[in-house]
Amino acid sequence: MKIAAQRLRSLRRSIRVPQHKIAELSGSSQSNINRYEHDIANPPLEMIVWYADYFNVSVDYILGRTDNPAGKLYDYIPQYSEEDERFKQFIEMCFDPDSPMNGRLKQTLIDMVMKGGAET
């Protein structure tokens, strides 16, 4: 995880804090921080999350999945299935059953989701 080591070192240096201070703040040891920054050891997930929270960056950024410190954005499109009862319950909750447009609005939503799911 060479990119993670580089990012951890770069984040620390960006605020001009020595390794021993990061170790103190994170509850780790200076020798562990040094190993993480020099790609000798992989930091545990808890440490990566700590860095992400402390430096206000995403875990994706630290791991090199994106160069955007704010993170990687995904366009999630739920997959609709006629058999998925949870989806049907969600749609029922969204609309007032007494509304004269209830059935039409529900069908429009289902049609939109089905078209979105078909494109993937």
PDB file of N, CA and C in Angstrom:
ATOM      1  N   MET A   1       0.826  -1.182   0.000  1.00  0.00           N
ATOM      2  CA  MET A   1       0.000   0.000   0.000  1.00  0.00           C
ATOM      3  C   MET A   1       0.877   1.255   0.000  1.00  0.00           C
ATOM      4  N   LYS A   2       1.710   1.321  -0.999  1.00  0.00           N
ATOM      5  CA  LYS A   2       2.649   2.440  -1.115  1.00  0.00           C
ATOM      6  C   LYS A   2       1.928   3.789  -1.169  1.00  0.00           C
ATOM      7  N   ILE A   3       0.825   3.842  -1.908  1.00  0.00           N
ATOM      8  CA  ILE A   3       0.094   5.110  -2.021  1.00  0.00           C
ATOM      9  C   ILE A   3      -0.452   5.539  -0.661  1.00  0.00           C
ATOM     10  N   ALA A   4      -0.926   4.588   0.134  1.00  0.00           N
ATOM     11  CA  ALA A   4      -1.445   4.922   1.465  1.00  0.00           C
ATOM     12  C   ALA A   4      -0.319   5.469   2.336  1.00  0.00           C
ATOM     13  N   ALA A   5       0.849   4.855   2.266  1.00  0.00           N
ATOM     14  CA  ALA A   5       1.998   5.338   3.045  1.00  0.00           C
ATOM     15  C   ALA A   5       2.333   6.775   2.652  1.00  0.00           C
ATOM     16  N   GLN A   6       2.347   7.040   1.356  1.00  0.00           N
ATOM     17  CA  GLN A   6       2.652   8.393   0.880  1.00  0.00           C
ATOM     18  C   GLN A   6       1.598   9.394   1.344  1.00  0.00           C
ATOM     19  N   ARG A   7       0.341   8.984   1.285  1.00  0.00           N
ATOM     20  CA  ARG A   7      -0.737   9.893   1.686  1.00  0.00           C
ATOM     21  C   ARG A   7      -0.690  10.169   3.187  1.00  0.00           C
ATOM     22  N   LEU A   8      -0.427   9.142   3.994  1.00  0.00           N
ATOM     23  CA  LEU A   8      -0.343   9.349   5.442  1.00  0.00           C
ATOM     24  C   LEU A   8       0.783  10.329   5.781  1.00  0.00           C
ATOM     25  N   ARG A   9       1.928  10.134   5.163  1.00  0.00           N
ATOM     26  CA  ARG A   9       3.064  11.022   5.402  1.00  0.00           C
ATOM     27  C   ARG A   9       2.747  12.446   4.937  1.00  0.00           C
ATOM     28  N   SER A  10       2.151  12.554   3.759  1.00  0.00           N
ATOM     29  CA  SER A  10       1.824  13.866   3.199  1.00  0.00           C
ATOM     30  C   SER A  10       0.805  14.612   4.069  1.00  0.00           C
ATOM     31  N   LEU A  11      -0.202  13.899   4.551  1.00  0.00           N
ATOM     32  CA  LEU A  11      -1.203  14.534   5.415  1.00  0.00           C
ATOM     33  C   LEU A  11      -0.553  15.059   6.688  1.00  0.00           C
ATOM     34  N   ARG A  12       0.290  14.252   7.299  1.00  0.00           N
ATOM     35  CA  ARG A  12       0.955  14.678   8.528  1.00  0.00           C
ATOM     36  C   ARG A  12       1.846  15.891   8.276  1.00  0.00           C
ATOM     37  N   ARG A  13       2.622  15.820   7.219  1.00  0.00           N
ATOM     38  CA  ARG A  13       3.537  16.922   6.912  1.00  0.00           C
ATOM     39  C   ARG A  13       2.788  18.204   6.545  1.00  0.00           C
ATOM     40  N   SER A  14       1.598  18.050   5.981  1.00  0.00           N
ATOM     41  CA  SER A  14       0.838  19.236   5.558  1.00  0.00           C
ATOM     42  C   SER A  14       0.477  20.140   6.729  1.00  0.00           C
ATOM     43  N   ILE A  15       0.427  19.584   7.920  1.00  0.00           N
ATOM     44  CA  ILE A  15       0.125  20.415   9.094  1.00  0.00           C
ATOM     45  C   ILE A  15       1.351  20.561  10.002  1.00  0.00           C
ATOM     46  N   ARG A  16       2.494  20.110   9.499  1.00  0.00           N
ATOM     47  CA  ARG A  16       3.779  20.271  10.202  1.00  0.00           C
ATOM     48  C   ARG A  16       3.764  19.697  11.623  1.00  0.00           C
ATOM     49  N   VAL A  17       3.292  18.466  11.698  1.00  0.00           N
ATOM     50  CA  VAL A  17       3.234  17.778  12.981  1.00  0.00           C
ATOM     51  C   VAL A  17       4.184  16.584  12.920  1.00  0.00           C
ATOM     52  N   PRO A  18       5.024  16.406  13.941  1.00  0.00           N
ATOM     53  CA  PRO A  18       5.945  15.276  13.937  1.00  0.00           C
ATOM     54  C   PRO A  18       5.219  13.948  14.187  1.00  0.00           C
ATOM     55  N   GLN A  19       5.871  12.872  13.815  1.00  0.00           N
ATOM     56  CA  GLN A  19       5.283  11.542  13.974  1.00  0.00           C
ATOM     57  C   GLN A  19       4.869  11.264  15.415  1.00  0.00           C
ATOM     58  N   HIS A  20       5.699  11.658  16.370  1.00  0.00           N
ATOM     59  CA  HIS A  20       5.374  11.352  17.769  1.00  0.00           C
ATOM     60  C   HIS A  20       4.085  12.023  18.218  1.00  0.00           C
ATOM     61  N   LYS A  21       3.768  13.193  17.652  1.00  0.00           N
ATOM     62  CA  LYS A  21       2.527  13.888  18.005  1.00  0.00           C
ATOM     63  C   LYS A  21       1.317  13.158  17.411  1.00  0.00           C
ATOM     64  N   ILE A  22       1.439  12.705  16.166  1.00  0.00           N
ATOM     65  CA  ILE A  22       0.357  11.921  15.547  1.00  0.00           C
ATOM     66  C   ILE A  22       0.148  10.640  16.352  1.00  0.00           C
ATOM     67  N   ALA A  23       1.245  10.019  16.774  1.00  0.00           N
ATOM     68  CA  ALA A  23       1.143   8.800  17.584  1.00  0.00           C
ATOM     69  C   ALA A  23       0.384   9.086  18.879  1.00  0.00           C
ATOM     70  N   GLU A  24       0.726  10.184  19.519  1.00  0.00           N
ATOM     71  CA  GLU A  24       0.071  10.565  20.773  1.00  0.00           C
ATOM     72  C   GLU A  24      -1.420  10.818  20.559  1.00  0.00           C
ATOM     73  N   LEU A  25      -1.743  11.562  19.518  1.00  0.00           N
ATOM     74  CA  LEU A  25      -3.147  11.897  19.234  1.00  0.00           C
ATOM     75  C   LEU A  25      -3.972  10.672  18.859  1.00  0.00           C
ATOM     76  N   SER A  26      -3.349   9.741  18.132  1.00  0.00           N
ATOM     77  CA  SER A  26      -4.087   8.585  17.625  1.00  0.00           C
ATOM     78  C   SER A  26      -4.069   7.392  18.567  1.00  0.00           C
ATOM     79  N   GLY A  27      -3.247   7.470  19.608  1.00  0.00           N
ATOM     80  CA  GLY A  27      -3.152   6.345  20.527  1.00  0.00           C
ATOM     81  C   GLY A  27      -2.249   5.245  20.018  1.00  0.00           C
ATOM     82  N   SER A  28      -1.356   5.576  19.126  1.00  0.00           N
ATOM     83  CA  SER A  28      -0.417   4.614  18.563  1.00  0.00           C
ATOM     84  C   SER A  28       0.979   4.934  19.090  1.00  0.00           C
ATOM     85  N   SER A  29       1.989   4.343  18.473  1.00  0.00           N
ATOM     86  CA  SER A  29       3.369   4.643  18.847  1.00  0.00           C
ATOM     87  C   SER A  29       4.071   5.311  17.668  1.00  0.00           C
ATOM     88  N   GLN A  30       5.111   6.059  17.970  1.00  0.00           N
ATOM     89  CA  GLN A  30       5.864   6.736  16.916  1.00  0.00           C
ATOM     90  C   GLN A  30       6.461   5.710  15.959  1.00  0.00           C
ATOM     91  N   SER A  31       6.916   4.587  16.483  1.00  0.00           N
ATOM     92  CA  SER A  31       7.502   3.569  15.604  1.00  0.00           C
ATOM     93  C   SER A  31       6.455   2.989  14.654  1.00  0.00           C
ATOM     94  N   ASN A  32       5.215   2.821  15.107  1.00  0.00           N
ATOM     95  CA  ASN A  32       4.151   2.349  14.206  1.00  0.00           C
ATOM     96  C   ASN A  32       3.869   3.378  13.120  1.00  0.00           C
ATOM     97  N   ILE A  33       3.759   4.644  13.492  1.00  0.00           N
ATOM     98  CA  ILE A  33       3.499   5.703  12.507  1.00  0.00           C
ATOM     99  C   ILE A  33       4.613   5.714  11.473  1.00  0.00           C
ATOM    100  N   ASN A  34       5.846   5.566  11.918  1.00  0.00           N
ATOM    101  CA  ASN A  34       6.984   5.527  11.000  1.00  0.00           C
ATOM    102  C   ASN A  34       6.871   4.339  10.037  1.00  0.00           C
ATOM    103  N   ARG A  35       6.497   3.182  10.548  1.00  0.00           N
ATOM    104  CA  ARG A  35       6.342   1.993   9.675  1.00  0.00           C
ATOM    105  C   ARG A  35       5.220   2.195   8.659  1.00  0.00           C
ATOM    106  N   TYR A  36       4.117   2.815   9.080  1.00  0.00           N
ATOM    107  CA  TYR A  36       3.012   3.068   8.152  1.00  0.00           C
ATOM    108  C   TYR A  36       3.446   4.031   7.052  1.00  0.00           C
ATOM    109  N   GLU A  37       4.140   5.074   7.430  1.00  0.00           N
ATOM    110  CA  GLU A  37       4.548   6.100   6.466  1.00  0.00           C
ATOM    111  C   GLU A  37       5.648   5.631   5.517  1.00  0.00           C
ATOM    112  N   HIS A  38       6.386   4.610   5.884  1.00  0.00           N
ATOM    113  CA  HIS A  38       7.460   4.095   5.025  1.00  0.00           C
ATOM    114  C   HIS A  38       7.088   2.766   4.377  1.00  0.00           C
ATOM    115  N   ASP A  39       5.804   2.423   4.431  1.00  0.00           N
ATOM    116  CA  ASP A  39       5.266   1.222   3.775  1.00  0.00           C
ATOM    117  C   ASP A  39       5.962  -0.054   4.254  1.00  0.00           C
ATOM    118  N   ILE A  40       6.341  -0.063   5.509  1.00  0.00           N
ATOM    119  CA  ILE A  40       6.928  -1.257   6.109  1.00  0.00           C
ATOM    120  C   ILE A  40       5.827  -2.126   6.708  1.00  0.00           C
ATOM    121  N   ALA A  41       4.781  -1.474   7.207  1.00  0.00           N
ATOM    122  CA  ALA A  41       3.633  -2.173   7.783  1.00  0.00           C
ATOM    123  C   ALA A  41       2.359  -1.491   7.306  1.00  0.00           C
ATOM    124  N   ASN A  42       1.300  -2.268   7.174  1.00  0.00           N
ATOM    125  CA  ASN A  42       0.007  -1.705   6.800  1.00  0.00           C
ATOM    126  C   ASN A  42      -0.729  -1.250   8.056  1.00  0.00           C
ATOM    127  N   PRO A  43      -1.244  -0.038   8.040  1.00  0.00           N
ATOM    128  CA  PRO A  43      -1.999   0.423   9.210  1.00  0.00           C
ATOM    129  C   PRO A  43      -3.309  -0.351   9.325  1.00  0.00           C
ATOM    130  N   PRO A  44      -3.746  -0.609  10.544  1.00  0.00           N
ATOM    131  CA  PRO A  44      -5.050  -1.269  10.704  1.00  0.00           C
ATOM    132  C   PRO A  44      -6.169  -0.332  10.249  1.00  0.00           C
ATOM    133  N   LEU A  45      -7.294  -0.907   9.951  1.00  0.00           N
ATOM    134  CA  LEU A  45      -8.439  -0.125   9.475  1.00  0.00           C
ATOM    135  C   LEU A  45      -8.784   1.008  10.440  1.00  0.00           C
ATOM    136  N   GLU A  46      -8.717   0.746  11.733  1.00  0.00           N
ATOM    137  CA  GLU A  46      -9.041   1.776  12.714  1.00  0.00           C
ATOM    138  C   GLU A  46      -8.119   2.987  12.559  1.00  0.00           C
ATOM    139  N   MET A  47      -6.846   2.741  12.249  1.00  0.00           N
ATOM    140  CA  MET A  47      -5.896   3.846  12.080  1.00  0.00           C
ATOM    141  C   MET A  47      -6.216   4.631  10.807  1.00  0.00           C
ATOM    142  N   ILE A  48      -6.563   3.948   9.734  1.00  0.00           N
ATOM    143  CA  ILE A  48      -6.916   4.630   8.487  1.00  0.00           C
ATOM    144  C   ILE A  48      -8.143   5.510   8.708  1.00  0.00           C
ATOM    145  N   VAL A  49      -9.121   4.977   9.412  1.00  0.00           N
ATOM    146  CA  VAL A  49     -10.326   5.757   9.710  1.00  0.00           C
ATOM    147  C   VAL A  49      -9.981   6.947  10.598  1.00  0.00           C
ATOM    148  N   TRP A  50      -9.079   6.750  11.560  1.00  0.00           N
ATOM    149  CA  TRP A  50      -8.658   7.863  12.412  1.00  0.00           C
ATOM    150  C   TRP A  50      -8.045   8.977  11.567  1.00  0.00           C
ATOM    151  N   TYR A  51      -7.124   8.609  10.668  1.00  0.00           N
ATOM    152  CA  TYR A  51      -6.506   9.614   9.785  1.00  0.00           C
ATOM    153  C   TYR A  51      -7.570  10.335   8.964  1.00  0.00           C
ATOM    154  N   ALA A  52      -8.500   9.580   8.398  1.00  0.00           N
ATOM    155  CA  ALA A  52      -9.552  10.185   7.573  1.00  0.00           C
ATOM    156  C   ALA A  52     -10.357  11.196   8.384  1.00  0.00           C
ATOM    157  N   ASP A  53     -10.718  10.826   9.597  1.00  0.00           N
ATOM    158  CA  ASP A  53     -11.483  11.741  10.448  1.00  0.00           C
ATOM    159  C   ASP A  53     -10.645  12.944  10.873  1.00  0.00           C
ATOM    160  N   TYR A  54      -9.424  12.693  11.292  1.00  0.00           N
ATOM    161  CA  TYR A  54      -8.575  13.765  11.804  1.00  0.00           C
ATOM    162  C   TYR A  54      -8.243  14.796  10.723  1.00  0.00           C
ATOM    163  N   PHE A  55      -7.940  14.313   9.517  1.00  0.00           N
ATOM    164  CA  PHE A  55      -7.548  15.218   8.440  1.00  0.00           C
ATOM    165  C   PHE A  55      -8.720  15.601   7.537  1.00  0.00           C
ATOM    166  N   ASN A  56      -9.903  15.115   7.878  1.00  0.00           N
ATOM    167  CA  ASN A  56     -11.114  15.423   7.128  1.00  0.00           C
ATOM    168  C   ASN A  56     -10.971  15.068   5.640  1.00  0.00           C
ATOM    169  N   VAL A  57     -10.524  13.853   5.400  1.00  0.00           N
ATOM    170  CA  VAL A  57     -10.432  13.317   4.044  1.00  0.00           C
ATOM    171  C   VAL A  57     -11.150  11.972   4.035  1.00  0.00           C
ATOM    172  N   SER A  58     -11.346  11.424   2.869  1.00  0.00           N
ATOM    173  CA  SER A  58     -12.022  10.131   2.794  1.00  0.00           C
ATOM    174  C   SER A  58     -11.011   8.989   2.894  1.00  0.00           C
ATOM    175  N   VAL A  59     -11.511   7.850   3.296  1.00  0.00           N
ATOM    176  CA  VAL A  59     -10.691   6.633   3.311  1.00  0.00           C
ATOM    177  C   VAL A  59     -10.273   6.297   1.880  1.00  0.00           C
ATOM    178  N   ASP A  60     -11.161   6.526   0.920  1.00  0.00           N
ATOM    179  CA  ASP A  60     -10.822   6.291  -0.492  1.00  0.00           C
ATOM    180  C   ASP A  60      -9.594   7.102  -0.900  1.00  0.00           C
ATOM    181  N   TYR A  61      -9.496   8.326  -0.429  1.00  0.00           N
ATOM    182  CA  TYR A  61      -8.339   9.165  -0.742  1.00  0.00           C
ATOM    183  C   TYR A  61      -7.071   8.561  -0.149  1.00  0.00           C
ATOM    184  N   ILE A  62      -7.117   8.183   1.109  1.00  0.00           N
ATOM    185  CA  ILE A  62      -5.940   7.612   1.757  1.00  0.00           C
ATOM    186  C   ILE A  62      -5.494   6.341   1.043  1.00  0.00           C
ATOM    187  N   LEU A  63      -6.433   5.518   0.632  1.00  0.00           N
ATOM    188  CA  LEU A  63      -6.098   4.246  -0.021  1.00  0.00           C
ATOM    189  C   LEU A  63      -5.764   4.398  -1.503  1.00  0.00           C
ATOM    190  N   GLY A  64      -5.870   5.610  -2.024  1.00  0.00           N
ATOM    191  CA  GLY A  64      -5.499   5.849  -3.415  1.00  0.00           C
ATOM    192  C   GLY A  64      -6.570   5.491  -4.425  1.00  0.00           C
ATOM    193  N   ARG A  65      -7.794   5.316  -3.966  1.00  0.00           N
ATOM    194  CA  ARG A  65      -8.888   5.006  -4.895  1.00  0.00           C
ATOM    195  C   ARG A  65      -9.366   6.248  -5.628  1.00  0.00           C
ATOM    196  N   THR A  66      -8.988   7.413  -5.122  1.00  0.00           N
ATOM    197  CA  THR A  66      -9.318   8.678  -5.756  1.00  0.00           C
ATOM    198  C   THR A  66      -8.253   9.703  -5.366  1.00  0.00           C
ATOM    199  N   ASP A  67      -8.085  10.705  -6.204  1.00  0.00           N
ATOM    200  CA  ASP A  67      -7.174  11.798  -5.880  1.00  0.00           C
ATOM    201  C   ASP A  67      -7.922  12.967  -5.257  1.00  0.00           C
ATOM    202  N   ASN A  68      -9.222  12.815  -5.115  1.00  0.00           N
ATOM    203  CA  ASN A  68     -10.066  13.841  -4.514  1.00  0.00           C
ATOM    204  C   ASN A  68     -10.156  13.572  -3.012  1.00  0.00           C
ATOM    205  N   PRO A  69      -9.580  14.459  -2.187  1.00  0.00           N
ATOM    206  CA  PRO A  69      -9.636  14.219  -0.740  1.00  0.00           C
ATOM    207  C   PRO A  69     -11.051  14.076  -0.183  1.00  0.00           C
ATOM    208  N   ALA A  70     -12.038  14.658  -0.880  1.00  0.00           N
ATOM    209  CA  ALA A  70     -13.418  14.560  -0.411  1.00  0.00           C
ATOM    210  C   ALA A  70     -13.988  13.170  -0.629  1.00  0.00           C
ATOM    211  N   GLY A  71     -13.361  12.382  -1.467  1.00  0.00           N
ATOM    212  CA  GLY A  71     -13.812  11.013  -1.644  1.00  0.00           C
ATOM    213  C   GLY A  71     -14.261  10.694  -3.047  1.00  0.00           C
ATOM    214  N   LYS A  72     -14.688   9.483  -3.186  1.00  0.00           N
ATOM    215  CA  LYS A  72     -15.155   8.968  -4.458  1.00  0.00           C
ATOM    216  C   LYS A  72     -16.675   8.941  -4.413  1.00  0.00           C
ATOM    217  N   LEU A  73     -17.299   9.503  -5.409  1.00  0.00           N
ATOM    218  CA  LEU A  73     -18.750   9.547  -5.443  1.00  0.00           C
ATOM    219  C   LEU A  73     -19.279   8.465  -6.376  1.00  0.00           C
ATOM    220  N   TYR A  74     -20.326   7.829  -5.937  1.00  0.00           N
ATOM    221  CA  TYR A  74     -20.920   6.754  -6.717  1.00  0.00           C
ATOM    222  C   TYR A  74     -22.336   7.141  -7.114  1.00  0.00           C
ATOM    223  N   ASP A  75     -22.718   6.777  -8.305  1.00  0.00           N
ATOM    224  CA  ASP A  75     -24.093   6.966  -8.747  1.00  0.00           C
ATOM    225  C   ASP A  75     -24.814   5.646  -8.518  1.00  0.00           C
ATOM    226  N   TYR A  76     -25.405   5.510  -7.347  1.00  0.00           N
ATOM    227  CA  TYR A  76     -26.096   4.282  -7.000  1.00  0.00           C
ATOM    228  C   TYR A  76     -27.483   4.290  -7.600  1.00  0.00           C
ATOM    229  N   ILE A  77     -27.793   3.257  -8.332  1.00  0.00           N
ATOM    230  CA  ILE A  77     -29.128   3.095  -8.899  1.00  0.00           C
ATOM    231  C   ILE A  77     -29.685   1.791  -8.341  1.00  0.00           C
ATOM    232  N   PRO A  78     -30.725   1.888  -7.514  1.00  0.00           N
ATOM    233  CA  PRO A  78     -31.268   0.651  -6.937  1.00  0.00           C
ATOM    234  C   PRO A  78     -31.838  -0.248  -8.030  1.00  0.00           C
ATOM    235  N   GLN A  79     -31.672  -1.526  -7.844  1.00  0.00           N
ATOM    236  CA  GLN A  79     -32.206  -2.488  -8.797  1.00  0.00           C
ATOM    237  C   GLN A  79     -33.618  -2.854  -8.366  1.00  0.00           C
ATOM    238  N   TYR A  80     -34.567  -2.663  -9.246  1.00  0.00           N
ATOM    239  CA  TYR A  80     -35.955  -2.960  -8.942  1.00  0.00           C
ATOM    240  C   TYR A  80     -36.275  -4.395  -9.313  1.00  0.00           C
ATOM    241  N   SER A  81     -37.019  -5.024  -8.452  1.00  0.00           N
ATOM    242  CA  SER A  81     -37.487  -6.380  -8.714  1.00  0.00           C
ATOM    243  C   SER A  81     -38.950  -6.442  -8.309  1.00  0.00           C
ATOM    244  N   GLU A  82     -39.752  -7.042  -9.140  1.00  0.00           N
ATOM    245  CA  GLU A  82     -41.179  -7.192  -8.843  1.00  0.00           C
ATOM    246  C   GLU A  82     -41.387  -7.957  -7.533  1.00  0.00           C
ATOM    247  N   GLU A  83     -40.429  -8.827  -7.193  1.00  0.00           N
ATOM    248  CA  GLU A  83     -40.562  -9.665  -6.008  1.00  0.00           C
ATOM    249  C   GLU A  83     -40.045  -8.988  -4.737  1.00  0.00           C
ATOM    250  N   ASP A  84     -39.399  -7.849  -4.841  1.00  0.00           N
ATOM    251  CA  ASP A  84     -38.788  -7.204  -3.686  1.00  0.00           C
ATOM    252  C   ASP A  84     -39.849  -6.485  -2.862  1.00  0.00           C
ATOM    253  N   GLU A  85     -40.252  -7.114  -1.777  1.00  0.00           N
ATOM    254  CA  GLU A  85     -41.308  -6.558  -0.925  1.00  0.00           C
ATOM    255  C   GLU A  85     -40.870  -5.263  -0.246  1.00  0.00           C
ATOM    256  N   ARG A  86     -39.575  -5.142   0.089  1.00  0.00           N
ATOM    257  CA  ARG A  86     -39.097  -3.925   0.742  1.00  0.00           C
ATOM    258  C   ARG A  86     -39.296  -2.718  -0.159  1.00  0.00           C
ATOM    259  N   PHE A  87     -39.053  -2.889  -1.455  1.00  0.00           N
ATOM    260  CA  PHE A  87     -39.222  -1.782  -2.387  1.00  0.00           C
ATOM    261  C   PHE A  87     -40.694  -1.400  -2.499  1.00  0.00           C
ATOM    262  N   LYS A  88     -41.548  -2.386  -2.557  1.00  0.00           N
ATOM    263  CA  LYS A  88     -42.985  -2.105  -2.617  1.00  0.00           C
ATOM    264  C   LYS A  88     -43.442  -1.371  -1.365  1.00  0.00           C
ATOM    265  N   GLN A  89     -42.941  -1.786  -0.185  1.00  0.00           N
ATOM    266  CA  GLN A  89     -43.307  -1.115   1.061  1.00  0.00           C
ATOM    267  C   GLN A  89     -42.817   0.333   1.068  1.00  0.00           C
ATOM    268  N   PHE A  90     -41.616   0.554   0.546  1.00  0.00           N
ATOM    269  CA  PHE A  90     -41.081   1.911   0.475  1.00  0.00           C
ATOM    270  C   PHE A  90     -41.976   2.791  -0.395  1.00  0.00           C
ATOM    271  N   ILE A  91     -42.368   2.288  -1.541  1.00  0.00           N
ATOM    272  CA  ILE A  91     -43.228   3.066  -2.442  1.00  0.00           C
ATOM    273  C   ILE A  91     -44.569   3.355  -1.779  1.00  0.00           C
ATOM    274  N   GLU A  92     -45.126   2.390  -1.080  1.00  0.00           N
ATOM    275  CA  GLU A  92     -46.398   2.600  -0.392  1.00  0.00           C
ATOM    276  C   GLU A  92     -46.275   3.701   0.659  1.00  0.00           C
ATOM    277  N   MET A  93     -45.131   3.767   1.339  1.00  0.00           N
ATOM    278  CA  MET A  93     -44.929   4.795   2.365  1.00  0.00           C
ATOM    279  C   MET A  93     -44.821   6.191   1.764  1.00  0.00           C
ATOM    280  N   CYS A  94     -44.372   6.275   0.529  1.00  0.00           N
ATOM    281  CA  CYS A  94     -44.110   7.578  -0.092  1.00  0.00           C
ATOM    282  C   CYS A  94     -45.366   8.324  -0.517  1.00  0.00           C
ATOM    283  N   PHE A  95     -46.452   7.639  -0.660  1.00  0.00           N
ATOM    284  CA  PHE A  95     -47.633   8.273  -1.238  1.00  0.00           C
ATOM    285  C   PHE A  95     -48.845   8.142  -0.334  1.00  0.00           C
ATOM    286  N   ASP A  96     -49.632   9.196  -0.339  1.00  0.00           N
ATOM    287  CA  ASP A  96     -50.878   9.216   0.421  1.00  0.00           C
ATOM    288  C   ASP A  96     -51.893   8.327  -0.296  1.00  0.00           C
ATOM    289  N   PRO A  97     -52.361   7.273   0.362  1.00  0.00           N
ATOM    290  CA  PRO A  97     -53.296   6.365  -0.309  1.00  0.00           C
ATOM    291  C   PRO A  97     -54.624   7.024  -0.670  1.00  0.00           C
ATOM    292  N   ASP A  98     -54.949   8.142  -0.025  1.00  0.00           N
ATOM    293  CA  ASP A  98     -56.213   8.823  -0.320  1.00  0.00           C
ATOM    294  C   ASP A  98     -56.100   9.787  -1.493  1.00  0.00           C
ATOM    295  N   SER A  99     -54.894   9.994  -1.990  1.00  0.00           N
ATOM    296  CA  SER A  99     -54.693  10.919  -3.095  1.00  0.00           C
ATOM    297  C   SER A  99     -55.226  10.305  -4.384  1.00  0.00           C
ATOM    298  N   PRO A 100     -55.929  11.110  -5.203  1.00  0.00           N
ATOM    299  CA  PRO A 100     -56.417  10.579  -6.481  1.00  0.00           C
ATOM    300  C   PRO A 100     -55.267  10.244  -7.446  1.00  0.00           C
ATOM    301  N   MET A 101     -54.081  10.800  -7.201  1.00  0.00           N
ATOM    302  CA  MET A 101     -52.929  10.548  -8.077  1.00  0.00           C
ATOM    303  C   MET A 101     -52.066   9.395  -7.562  1.00  0.00           C
ATOM    304  N   ASN A 102     -52.435   8.769  -6.478  1.00  0.00           N
ATOM    305  CA  ASN A 102     -51.620   7.761  -5.816  1.00  0.00           C
ATOM    306  C   ASN A 102     -51.124   6.680  -6.781  1.00  0.00           C
ATOM    307  N   GLY A 103     -52.015   6.027  -7.456  1.00  0.00           N
ATOM    308  CA  GLY A 103     -51.627   4.928  -8.348  1.00  0.00           C
ATOM    309  C   GLY A 103     -50.727   5.387  -9.482  1.00  0.00           C
ATOM    310  N   ARG A 104     -51.049   6.511 -10.055  1.00  0.00           N
ATOM    311  CA  ARG A 104     -50.255   7.038 -11.169  1.00  0.00           C
ATOM    312  C   ARG A 104     -48.838   7.422 -10.723  1.00  0.00           C
ATOM    313  N   LEU A 105     -48.720   8.072  -9.564  1.00  0.00           N
ATOM    314  CA  LEU A 105     -47.410   8.456  -9.042  1.00  0.00           C
ATOM    315  C   LEU A 105     -46.554   7.226  -8.730  1.00  0.00           C
ATOM    316  N   LYS A 106     -47.156   6.218  -8.119  1.00  0.00           N
ATOM    317  CA  LYS A 106     -46.416   4.995  -7.808  1.00  0.00           C
ATOM    318  C   LYS A 106     -45.921   4.328  -9.088  1.00  0.00           C
ATOM    319  N   GLN A 107     -46.760   4.254 -10.074  1.00  0.00           N
ATOM    320  CA  GLN A 107     -46.367   3.606 -11.326  1.00  0.00           C
ATOM    321  C   GLN A 107     -45.261   4.382 -12.028  1.00  0.00           C
ATOM    322  N   THR A 108     -45.324   5.710 -11.977  1.00  0.00           N
ATOM    323  CA  THR A 108     -44.276   6.535 -12.573  1.00  0.00           C
ATOM    324  C   THR A 108     -42.942   6.265 -11.887  1.00  0.00           C
ATOM    325  N   LEU A 109     -42.948   6.189 -10.562  1.00  0.00           N
ATOM    326  CA  LEU A 109     -41.721   5.901  -9.824  1.00  0.00           C
ATOM    327  C   LEU A 109     -41.169   4.525 -10.204  1.00  0.00           C
ATOM    328  N   ILE A 110     -42.014   3.536 -10.271  1.00  0.00           N
ATOM    329  CA  ILE A 110     -41.572   2.186 -10.657  1.00  0.00           C
ATOM    330  C   ILE A 110     -41.004   2.197 -12.069  1.00  0.00           C
ATOM    331  N   ASP A 111     -41.653   2.880 -12.986  1.00  0.00           N
ATOM    332  CA  ASP A 111     -41.159   2.963 -14.366  1.00  0.00           C
ATOM    333  C   ASP A 111     -39.789   3.633 -14.418  1.00  0.00           C
ATOM    334  N   MET A 112     -39.603   4.696 -13.630  1.00  0.00           N
ATOM    335  CA  MET A 112     -38.312   5.399 -13.609  1.00  0.00           C
ATOM    336  C   MET A 112     -37.205   4.481 -13.085  1.00  0.00           C
ATOM    337  N   VAL A 113     -37.478   3.767 -12.015  1.00  0.00           N
ATOM    338  CA  VAL A 113     -36.471   2.890 -11.421  1.00  0.00           C
ATOM    339  C   VAL A 113     -36.153   1.735 -12.365  1.00  0.00           C
ATOM    340  N   MET A 114     -37.173   1.198 -13.017  1.00  0.00           N
ATOM    341  CA  MET A 114     -36.934   0.080 -13.937  1.00  0.00           C
ATOM    342  C   MET A 114     -36.069   0.522 -15.116  1.00  0.00           C
ATOM    343  N   LYS A 115     -36.293   1.719 -15.627  1.00  0.00           N
ATOM    344  CA  LYS A 115     -35.480   2.221 -16.735  1.00  0.00           C
ATOM    345  C   LYS A 115     -34.057   2.457 -16.288  1.00  0.00           C
ATOM    346  N   GLY A 116     -33.878   3.018 -15.083  1.00  0.00           N
ATOM    347  CA  GLY A 116     -32.535   3.241 -14.546  1.00  0.00           C
ATOM    348  C   GLY A 116     -31.787   1.948 -14.335  1.00  0.00           C
ATOM    349  N   GLY A 117     -32.470   0.918 -13.841  1.00  0.00           N
ATOM    350  CA  GLY A 117     -31.840  -0.373 -13.606  1.00  0.00           C
ATOM    351  C   GLY A 117     -31.506  -1.099 -14.892  1.00  0.00           C
ATOM    352  N   ALA A 118     -32.281  -0.845 -15.952  1.00  0.00           N
ATOM    353  CA  ALA A 118     -32.043  -1.528 -17.227  1.00  0.00           C
ATOM    354  C   ALA A 118     -30.802  -1.007 -17.932  1.00  0.00           C
ATOM    355  N   GLU A 119     -30.384   0.251 -17.611  1.00  0.00           N
ATOM    356  CA  GLU A 119     -29.241   0.858 -18.272  1.00  0.00           C
ATOM    357  C   GLU A 119     -27.917   0.332 -17.739  1.00  0.00           C
ATOM    358  N   THR A 120     -27.935  -0.276 -16.557  1.00  0.00           N
ATOM    359  CA  THR A 120     -26.671  -0.742 -15.977  1.00  0.00           C
ATOM    360  C   THR A 120     -26.290  -2.104 -16.467  1.00  0.00           C
TER     361      THR A 120
END
